[in-house]
Amino acid sequence: MLNYLSKKAAELLITFFGITLVSFFLINLAPGKPTDVVSDLNPRMTPEIRAIYEKQWGLDKPLHIRYFIWLKNFSKFDFGNSFSSDSRPVWDKIRERLPITILINAISMFLIFLIAVPIGIHSAVKPNSLSDKVTTFGVFVGFAMPVFWLALILQLIFGVWLNVLPVSGIKSLNYENLSFIHKFFDSTRHLFLPIFITVFGSLAGLSRYMRSQMQEALSQEYIVTARAKGLPEKVVIYKHALRNAILPIITILGLSVPGLISGSVIFETIFAIPGVGQLLYSAAMARDINVIMAEVVIVSILTLIGNLLADIGYALADPRIRVK
């Protein structure tokens, strides 16, 4: 097992440096420069002043030199300063926003797994039944709806018409004066719609995969043998079939991490949630290269960790993989 994990860790390290290299060059080759934000609407900006800004921010050096400088700083966990007007350290800006994004996505992933797997199992055990058709219709409705449109509709219904849920932010104005219990319920009310949208839009894929894998597992000969021996149906389904059917789901959950993080850009912007998704959108609009690269690194690390956890889950569920 240790040898297997060592090989996977080495592969992920090489992949990570490849991601940073490609991302850095693509971001810097995109049209526009960070200096455009401070110069385009400034009638007093001259080429000389622009050159001073570029030298101050290190943009006057060749691209490959800038990459090695960035890589050297990253080895010390230094992402540099933001090119925005506050010029704060990038990591300070991200560190303030990262917990709320991780919290929302962790809760979302847990609920997606908790809901989608039973739906897939039930649909596989009772295919083409009324409940199978109803759940299939429901999850595909969520899959087909654009996230931004659904978010706006729910804001209108629950925030404007019914006035039962807040439509922006993560806490109320009087949050600091509330008791612990009231703080918990206040945060729950604010996060309900973003989490619901994330979960509702992601159920279809995972539940359909689970249904397909479960149906394939139930058609195998070892399941026929288990039933012929007189084992209870619950043991056949949840002990024998599920263990083999769950393997691809582990991989899908690992690979879904970047999708959830990138999806947070949409709902964090719509719901005015101060997370890294909203920060990435603002940085992209301002051509803040240091912030964008830092977010790319974080998403890459989370993606690679998700893949590693998926590999570990695979190895734990199927001992044959450990010896490869």
Protein backbone atom coordinates (compact mmCIF):
# COMPACT_ATOMS: atom_id res chain seq x y z
CA MET A 1 0.00 0.00 0.00
CA LEU A 2 2.85 2.41 0.87
CA ASN A 3 4.58 1.76 -2.46
CA TYR A 4 1.29 2.38 -4.29
CA LEU A 5 0.76 5.70 -2.51
CA SER A 6 4.37 6.78 -3.19
CA LYS A 7 3.92 6.26 -6.93
CA LYS A 8 0.65 8.18 -6.91
CA ALA A 9 2.20 11.06 -4.95
CA ALA A 10 5.08 11.32 -7.46
CA GLU A 11 2.64 11.36 -10.38
CA LEU A 12 0.56 14.09 -8.72
CA LEU A 13 3.64 16.23 -8.07
CA ILE A 14 4.67 16.11 -11.74
CA THR A 15 1.09 16.86 -12.79
CA PHE A 16 0.95 19.84 -10.43
CA PHE A 17 4.05 21.49 -11.90
CA GLY A 18 2.69 20.90 -15.39
CA ILE A 19 -0.56 22.64 -14.41
CA THR A 20 1.25 25.66 -12.97
CA LEU A 21 3.46 25.98 -16.06
CA VAL A 22 0.59 25.86 -18.56
CA SER A 23 -1.66 28.08 -16.43
CA PHE A 24 0.99 30.76 -15.93
CA PHE A 25 1.76 31.07 -19.62
CA LEU A 26 -1.91 31.03 -20.69
CA ILE A 27 -2.92 33.67 -18.12
CA ASN A 28 -0.09 35.97 -19.14
CA LEU A 29 -0.72 35.48 -22.86
CA ALA A 30 -4.36 36.60 -22.49
CA PRO A 31 -5.18 40.07 -23.88
CA GLY A 32 -4.64 42.96 -21.51
CA LYS A 33 -2.27 43.67 -18.64
CA PRO A 34 -2.78 44.54 -14.97
CA THR A 35 -1.57 48.05 -15.74
CA ASP A 36 -4.55 48.56 -18.07
CA VAL A 37 -6.88 48.76 -15.08
CA VAL A 38 -5.06 51.77 -13.62
CA SER A 39 -4.21 53.42 -16.94
CA ASP A 40 -7.18 53.05 -19.29
CA LEU A 41 -9.41 55.55 -17.47
CA ASN A 42 -6.61 57.81 -16.27
CA PRO A 43 -6.00 60.73 -18.67
CA ARG A 44 -2.74 61.56 -16.89
CA MET A 45 -1.23 58.13 -17.50
CA THR A 46 1.83 58.30 -19.72
CA PRO A 47 3.99 55.50 -21.21
CA GLU A 48 6.69 56.39 -18.69
CA ILE A 49 4.37 55.98 -15.72
CA ARG A 50 3.04 52.74 -17.19
CA ALA A 51 6.63 51.48 -17.47
CA ILE A 52 7.19 52.36 -13.80
CA TYR A 53 4.15 50.27 -12.84
CA GLU A 54 5.34 47.35 -14.97
CA LYS A 55 8.80 47.47 -13.38
CA GLN A 56 7.33 47.75 -9.88
CA TRP A 57 5.12 44.69 -10.50
CA GLY A 58 7.83 42.73 -12.29
CA LEU A 59 5.97 42.72 -15.62
CA ASP A 60 8.97 44.06 -17.54
CA LYS A 61 10.84 40.75 -17.34
CA PRO A 62 10.57 37.93 -19.94
CA LEU A 63 7.74 35.50 -19.36
CA HIS A 64 9.89 32.49 -18.55
CA ILE A 65 11.90 34.50 -16.03
CA ARG A 66 8.70 35.63 -14.35
CA TYR A 67 7.54 32.01 -14.11
CA PHE A 68 10.72 30.89 -12.35
CA ILE A 69 10.45 33.87 -9.99
CA TRP A 70 6.85 32.92 -9.26
CA LEU A 71 7.85 29.27 -8.72
CA LYS A 72 10.66 30.31 -6.35
CA ASN A 73 8.25 32.46 -4.34
CA PHE A 74 5.65 29.70 -4.34
CA SER A 75 8.20 27.28 -2.84
CA LYS A 76 8.18 29.65 0.15
CA PHE A 77 4.37 29.79 -0.01
CA ASP A 78 4.53 33.40 -1.15
CA PHE A 79 1.95 34.31 -3.81
CA GLY A 80 3.06 37.93 -3.95
CA ASN A 81 0.89 41.02 -3.58
CA SER A 82 -2.35 41.75 -5.35
CA PHE A 83 -2.26 44.16 -8.30
CA SER A 84 -5.46 45.80 -7.04
CA SER A 85 -5.51 49.15 -5.28
CA ASP A 86 -5.11 47.65 -1.79
CA SER A 87 -1.86 45.81 -2.77
CA ARG A 88 -2.45 43.30 0.02
CA PRO A 89 -0.67 39.93 0.11
CA VAL A 90 -2.60 37.49 -2.05
CA TRP A 91 -2.61 34.73 0.57
CA ASP A 92 -4.17 37.08 3.14
CA LYS A 93 -7.03 37.83 0.75
CA ILE A 94 -7.58 34.16 -0.03
CA ARG A 95 -7.21 32.99 3.57
CA GLU A 96 -10.09 35.24 4.60
CA ARG A 97 -12.39 33.76 1.96
CA LEU A 98 -11.30 30.13 1.72
CA PRO A 99 -13.13 28.74 4.81
CA ILE A 100 -16.61 29.71 3.60
CA THR A 101 -16.01 28.22 0.13
CA ILE A 102 -14.65 24.98 1.59
CA LEU A 103 -17.56 24.80 4.04
CA ILE A 104 -20.21 25.23 1.34
CA ASN A 105 -18.57 22.71 -1.00
CA ALA A 106 -17.90 20.16 1.75
CA ILE A 107 -21.53 20.25 2.89
CA SER A 108 -22.68 20.10 -0.75
CA MET A 109 -20.52 17.06 -1.55
CA PHE A 110 -21.72 15.26 1.58
CA LEU A 111 -25.37 15.91 0.72
CA ILE A 112 -24.87 14.96 -2.94
CA PHE A 113 -23.40 11.61 -1.92
CA LEU A 114 -26.00 11.11 0.81
CA ILE A 115 -28.92 11.71 -1.57
CA ALA A 116 -27.65 10.52 -4.96
CA VAL A 117 -26.39 7.08 -3.91
CA PRO A 118 -29.71 5.91 -2.37
CA ILE A 119 -31.57 7.30 -5.40
CA GLY A 120 -29.30 5.36 -7.75
CA ILE A 121 -29.61 2.15 -5.71
CA HIS A 122 -33.41 2.40 -5.52
CA SER A 123 -33.68 3.10 -9.25
CA ALA A 124 -31.43 0.12 -10.06
CA VAL A 125 -33.32 -2.28 -7.79
CA LYS A 126 -36.70 -1.15 -9.13
CA PRO A 127 -36.05 -0.04 -12.73
CA ASN A 128 -38.85 1.59 -14.71
CA SER A 129 -41.05 1.80 -11.63
CA LEU A 130 -43.06 4.92 -10.86
CA SER A 131 -40.55 6.03 -8.22
CA ASP A 132 -37.69 5.49 -10.68
CA LYS A 133 -39.40 7.64 -13.29
CA VAL A 134 -40.24 10.38 -10.78
CA THR A 135 -36.71 10.59 -9.36
CA THR A 136 -35.20 10.47 -12.86
CA PHE A 137 -37.42 13.33 -13.97
CA GLY A 138 -36.63 15.36 -10.85
CA VAL A 139 -32.86 15.04 -10.97
CA PHE A 140 -32.70 15.76 -14.70
CA VAL A 141 -34.81 18.88 -14.23
CA GLY A 142 -32.15 20.10 -11.82
CA PHE A 143 -29.40 19.09 -14.22
CA ALA A 144 -31.01 20.94 -17.14
CA MET A 145 -31.64 24.21 -15.28
CA PRO A 146 -28.91 26.87 -15.63
CA VAL A 147 -27.45 27.57 -12.20
CA PHE A 148 -27.66 31.35 -12.48
CA TRP A 149 -31.30 31.22 -13.64
CA LEU A 150 -32.33 28.86 -10.83
CA ALA A 151 -30.53 31.06 -8.29
CA LEU A 152 -32.37 34.18 -9.46
CA ILE A 153 -35.74 32.39 -9.47
CA LEU A 154 -35.23 31.09 -5.91
CA GLN A 155 -34.10 34.52 -4.77
CA LEU A 156 -37.30 35.99 -6.19
CA ILE A 157 -39.56 33.35 -4.64
CA PHE A 158 -38.03 32.90 -1.16
CA GLY A 159 -36.39 36.28 -0.73
CA VAL A 160 -38.83 38.71 -2.33
CA TRP A 161 -42.27 37.09 -2.55
CA LEU A 162 -42.23 34.92 0.58
CA ASN A 163 -39.50 36.85 2.43
CA VAL A 164 -38.41 33.77 4.40
CA LEU A 165 -34.76 33.48 3.32
CA PRO A 166 -31.99 36.07 2.82
CA VAL A 167 -30.75 36.52 -0.74
CA SER A 168 -27.20 37.74 -0.15
CA GLY A 169 -24.30 37.51 2.25
CA ILE A 170 -23.51 34.88 4.87
CA LYS A 171 -24.82 36.59 8.00
CA SER A 172 -27.24 39.26 9.14
CA LEU A 173 -26.29 42.77 10.25
CA ASN A 174 -26.98 41.95 13.92
CA TYR A 175 -25.08 38.65 13.75
CA GLU A 176 -22.55 39.58 16.46
CA ASN A 177 -25.33 40.30 18.96
CA LEU A 178 -27.01 36.91 18.51
CA SER A 179 -26.64 33.88 20.77
CA PHE A 180 -24.80 30.79 19.55
CA ILE A 181 -28.00 28.99 18.56
CA HIS A 182 -29.36 32.02 16.73
CA LYS A 183 -26.01 32.48 14.95
CA PHE A 184 -26.21 28.88 13.76
CA PHE A 185 -29.73 29.31 12.40
CA ASP A 186 -28.84 32.67 10.85
CA SER A 187 -25.88 31.12 8.97
CA THR A 188 -28.05 28.15 7.96
CA ARG A 189 -30.69 30.46 6.47
CA HIS A 190 -28.06 32.35 4.47
CA LEU A 191 -26.35 29.20 3.14
CA PHE A 192 -29.52 27.23 2.40
CA LEU A 193 -30.09 28.51 -1.15
CA PRO A 194 -26.44 28.28 -2.35
CA ILE A 195 -26.11 24.73 -1.01
CA PHE A 196 -29.50 23.69 -2.38
CA ILE A 197 -28.59 24.96 -5.86
CA THR A 198 -25.24 23.16 -5.81
CA VAL A 199 -26.77 19.87 -4.65
CA PHE A 200 -29.84 20.00 -6.89
CA GLY A 201 -27.77 20.63 -9.99
CA SER A 202 -25.31 17.81 -9.25
CA LEU A 203 -27.67 14.97 -8.30
CA ALA A 204 -28.43 13.80 -11.83
CA GLY A 205 -24.95 12.77 -12.88
CA LEU A 206 -24.00 10.91 -9.71
CA SER A 207 -27.38 9.19 -9.27
CA ARG A 208 -27.41 8.02 -12.92
CA TYR A 209 -23.87 6.67 -12.58
CA MET A 210 -24.88 4.88 -9.41
CA ARG A 211 -27.96 3.41 -11.10
CA SER A 212 -25.95 2.20 -14.09
CA GLN A 213 -23.18 0.65 -11.99
CA MET A 214 -25.65 -0.98 -9.62
CA GLN A 215 -27.64 -2.51 -12.46
CA GLU A 216 -24.45 -3.91 -13.95
CA ALA A 217 -23.39 -5.34 -10.57
CA LEU A 218 -26.80 -6.94 -9.99
CA SER A 219 -26.56 -8.74 -13.33
CA GLN A 220 -23.28 -10.48 -12.43
CA GLU A 221 -23.10 -14.22 -11.76
CA TYR A 222 -21.91 -13.84 -8.18
CA ILE A 223 -25.16 -12.02 -7.38
CA VAL A 224 -27.16 -14.88 -8.88
CA THR A 225 -25.11 -17.29 -6.75
CA ALA A 226 -25.66 -15.21 -3.60
CA ARG A 227 -29.42 -15.20 -4.17
CA ALA A 228 -29.40 -18.93 -4.93
CA LYS A 229 -27.78 -19.53 -1.54
CA GLY A 230 -30.76 -17.85 0.08
CA LEU A 231 -29.05 -14.70 1.32
CA PRO A 232 -31.40 -11.88 2.31
CA GLU A 233 -31.97 -9.35 -0.47
CA LYS A 234 -30.57 -6.51 1.63
CA VAL A 235 -27.32 -8.43 2.11
CA VAL A 236 -27.11 -9.14 -1.62
CA ILE A 237 -27.67 -5.49 -2.52
CA TYR A 238 -25.80 -3.59 0.18
CA LYS A 239 -22.94 -5.98 0.91
CA HIS A 240 -22.15 -7.74 -2.35
CA ALA A 241 -23.44 -5.54 -5.19
CA LEU A 242 -22.87 -2.14 -3.64
CA ARG A 243 -19.20 -2.72 -2.84
CA ASN A 244 -18.39 -3.25 -6.51
CA ALA A 245 -20.79 -0.62 -7.82
CA ILE A 246 -19.43 2.10 -5.55
CA LEU A 247 -15.91 2.05 -7.05
CA PRO A 248 -16.60 4.37 -10.03
CA ILE A 249 -18.59 6.67 -7.74
CA ILE A 250 -15.49 7.19 -5.59
CA THR A 251 -13.60 8.39 -8.64
CA ILE A 252 -16.44 10.67 -9.73
CA LEU A 253 -16.60 12.28 -6.30
CA GLY A 254 -12.86 12.96 -6.44
CA LEU A 255 -13.10 14.46 -9.89
CA SER A 256 -16.12 16.59 -8.95
CA VAL A 257 -14.08 18.79 -6.59
CA PRO A 258 -12.87 21.25 -9.27
CA GLY A 259 -16.37 21.43 -10.72
CA LEU A 260 -17.81 22.49 -7.37
CA ILE A 261 -15.06 25.06 -6.81
CA SER A 262 -15.50 26.56 -10.29
CA GLY A 263 -19.26 26.51 -9.82
CA SER A 264 -18.83 28.57 -6.66
CA VAL A 265 -17.85 31.51 -8.88
CA ILE A 266 -21.46 31.68 -10.08
CA PHE A 267 -23.42 31.33 -6.86
CA GLU A 268 -20.94 33.36 -4.78
CA THR A 269 -21.29 36.23 -7.23
CA ILE A 270 -25.08 35.98 -7.35
CA PHE A 271 -25.52 35.62 -3.57
CA ALA A 272 -22.69 38.07 -2.71
CA ILE A 273 -20.87 35.42 -0.68
CA PRO A 274 -17.30 36.53 0.14
CA GLY A 275 -15.61 33.32 -1.00
CA VAL A 276 -12.72 32.50 -3.30
CA GLY A 277 -15.10 32.14 -6.25
CA GLN A 278 -16.16 35.76 -6.00
CA LEU A 279 -12.52 36.76 -5.52
CA LEU A 280 -11.52 34.86 -8.67
CA TYR A 281 -14.19 36.65 -10.69
CA SER A 282 -13.06 40.05 -9.42
CA ALA A 283 -9.41 39.18 -10.11
CA ALA A 284 -10.21 38.08 -13.65
CA MET A 285 -12.03 41.33 -14.34
CA ALA A 286 -9.09 43.33 -12.94
CA ARG A 287 -6.43 41.13 -14.63
CA ASP A 288 -4.92 40.48 -11.20
CA ILE A 289 -2.51 37.74 -12.31
CA ASN A 290 -1.13 36.94 -8.85
CA VAL A 291 -4.59 36.29 -7.41
CA ILE A 292 -5.63 34.22 -10.43
CA MET A 293 -2.51 32.05 -10.21
CA ALA A 294 -2.98 31.55 -6.48
CA GLU A 295 -6.56 30.40 -7.04
CA VAL A 296 -5.46 28.10 -9.87
CA VAL A 297 -2.92 26.56 -7.52
CA ILE A 298 -5.51 26.04 -4.79
CA VAL A 299 -8.02 24.47 -7.16
CA SER A 300 -5.27 22.28 -8.63
CA ILE A 301 -4.20 21.11 -5.18
CA LEU A 302 -7.79 20.33 -4.20
CA THR A 303 -8.28 18.47 -7.49
CA LEU A 304 -5.13 16.42 -7.03
CA ILE A 305 -6.01 15.68 -3.41
CA GLY A 306 -9.45 14.58 -4.60
CA ASN A 307 -7.82 12.26 -7.12
CA LEU A 308 -5.47 10.89 -4.47
CA LEU A 309 -8.37 10.26 -2.08
CA ALA A 310 -10.22 8.53 -4.92
CA ASP A 311 -7.19 6.31 -5.55
CA ILE A 312 -6.94 5.52 -1.84
CA GLY A 313 -10.66 4.70 -1.76
CA TYR A 314 -10.22 2.46 -4.76
CA ALA A 315 -7.31 0.67 -3.11
CA LEU A 316 -9.24 0.18 0.11
CA ALA A 317 -12.32 -1.11 -1.70
CA ASP A 318 -10.41 -3.34 -4.14
CA PRO A 319 -7.19 -4.89 -2.70
CA ARG A 320 -6.10 -5.96 -6.22
CA ILE A 321 -5.26 -2.33 -7.05
CA ARG A 322 -2.66 -2.07 -4.27
CA VAL A 323 -0.33 -4.58 -5.90
CA LYS A 324 -0.17 -2.81 -9.28
